Protein backbone atom coordinates (compact mmCIF):
# COMPACT_ATOMS: atom_id res chain seq x y z
CA UNK A 1 0.00 0.00 0.00
CA UNK A 2 1.26 3.46 -0.86
CA UNK A 3 0.29 6.51 1.21
CA UNK A 4 1.27 10.08 0.34
CA UNK A 5 1.14 12.81 2.97
CA UNK A 6 -1.23 15.55 1.80
CA UNK A 7 -2.30 19.02 2.85
CA UNK A 8 -3.76 19.22 6.32
CA UNK A 9 -1.56 16.36 7.55
CA UNK A 10 -1.12 15.92 11.26
CA UNK A 11 2.11 15.51 13.22
CA UNK A 12 1.80 11.72 12.93
CA UNK A 13 0.64 9.24 10.30
CA UNK A 14 -1.10 6.08 11.51
CA UNK A 15 -1.52 2.77 9.70
CA UNK A 16 -4.12 0.48 11.26
CA UNK A 17 -3.50 -3.13 10.18
CA UNK A 18 -6.06 -5.87 10.85
CA UNK A 19 -5.39 -9.34 9.41
CA UNK A 20 -8.27 -11.82 9.44
CA UNK A 21 -7.49 -15.48 10.03
CA UNK A 22 -3.76 -15.42 10.73
CA UNK A 23 -0.62 -13.38 11.33
CA UNK A 24 1.11 -11.07 8.85
CA UNK A 25 4.40 -9.18 8.78
CA UNK A 26 4.20 -5.43 8.17
CA UNK A 27 6.97 -2.96 7.36
CA UNK A 28 6.88 0.76 6.48
CA UNK A 29 9.50 2.26 4.17
CA UNK A 30 10.30 5.69 2.74
CA UNK A 31 12.51 5.95 -0.36
CA UNK A 32 13.79 2.41 0.23
CA UNK A 33 14.76 3.05 3.86
CA UNK A 34 12.96 1.22 6.63
CA UNK A 35 10.99 3.58 8.87
CA UNK A 36 9.19 0.89 10.89
CA UNK A 37 10.95 -2.48 11.05
CA UNK A 38 9.19 -5.68 10.07
CA UNK A 39 6.69 -6.50 12.78
CA UNK A 40 4.50 -9.57 13.16
CA UNK A 41 0.84 -8.65 13.63
CA UNK A 42 -1.86 -10.85 15.14
CA UNK A 43 -5.37 -9.42 15.15
CA UNK A 44 -4.80 -5.65 15.24
CA UNK A 45 -1.89 -3.25 15.34
CA UNK A 46 -1.35 0.49 14.93
CA UNK A 47 1.87 1.57 13.21
CA UNK A 48 2.87 5.21 13.81
CA UNK A 49 5.14 7.42 11.71
CA UNK A 50 6.24 10.57 13.54
CA UNK A 51 6.55 13.96 11.83
CA UNK A 52 5.77 13.06 8.20
CA UNK A 53 6.64 15.86 5.77
CA UNK A 54 4.24 17.10 3.12
CA UNK A 55 4.35 14.99 -0.09
CA UNK A 56 6.42 12.18 1.44
CA UNK A 57 5.31 8.80 0.08
CA UNK A 58 5.35 5.89 2.50
CA UNK A 59 5.02 2.23 1.52
CA UNK A 60 3.41 -0.36 3.75
CA UNK A 61 4.54 -3.86 2.84
CA UNK A 62 2.39 -6.74 4.07
CA UNK A 63 3.58 -10.34 3.80
CA UNK A 64 2.74 -13.69 5.37
CA UNK A 65 5.00 -14.59 8.26
CA UNK A 66 4.90 -18.28 7.28
CA UNK A 67 3.69 -20.04 4.15
CA UNK A 68 1.04 -21.97 6.09
CA UNK A 69 -0.38 -18.61 7.23
CA UNK A 70 -1.27 -17.86 3.59
CA UNK A 71 -3.93 -20.56 3.70
CA UNK A 72 -5.52 -19.14 6.86
CA UNK A 73 -5.51 -15.41 6.06
CA UNK A 74 -8.73 -14.40 4.33
CA UNK A 75 -8.21 -10.62 4.22
CA UNK A 76 -6.03 -7.83 5.57
CA UNK A 77 -7.72 -4.50 6.19
CA UNK A 78 -5.56 -1.37 6.31
CA UNK A 79 -6.74 2.16 7.06
CA UNK A 80 -4.79 5.38 7.58
CA UNK A 81 -5.36 8.51 9.58
């Protein structure tokens, strides 16, 4: 998922990640550099980026932590604030 910081942005950018059925790994990057290290998420997690600048483009990478998790995960919902 790609998220660009727009006008009216707050001091922090939040990614809410909710996998259904299993665990996922999530990582946030900016221009190829890791901002939030890979983190295993079960159920629900909020990832926070402090002080995002206007027009910065963040990437949220979601992957299965294990191959058997792929069979259990039905959806992954992501929202930003």
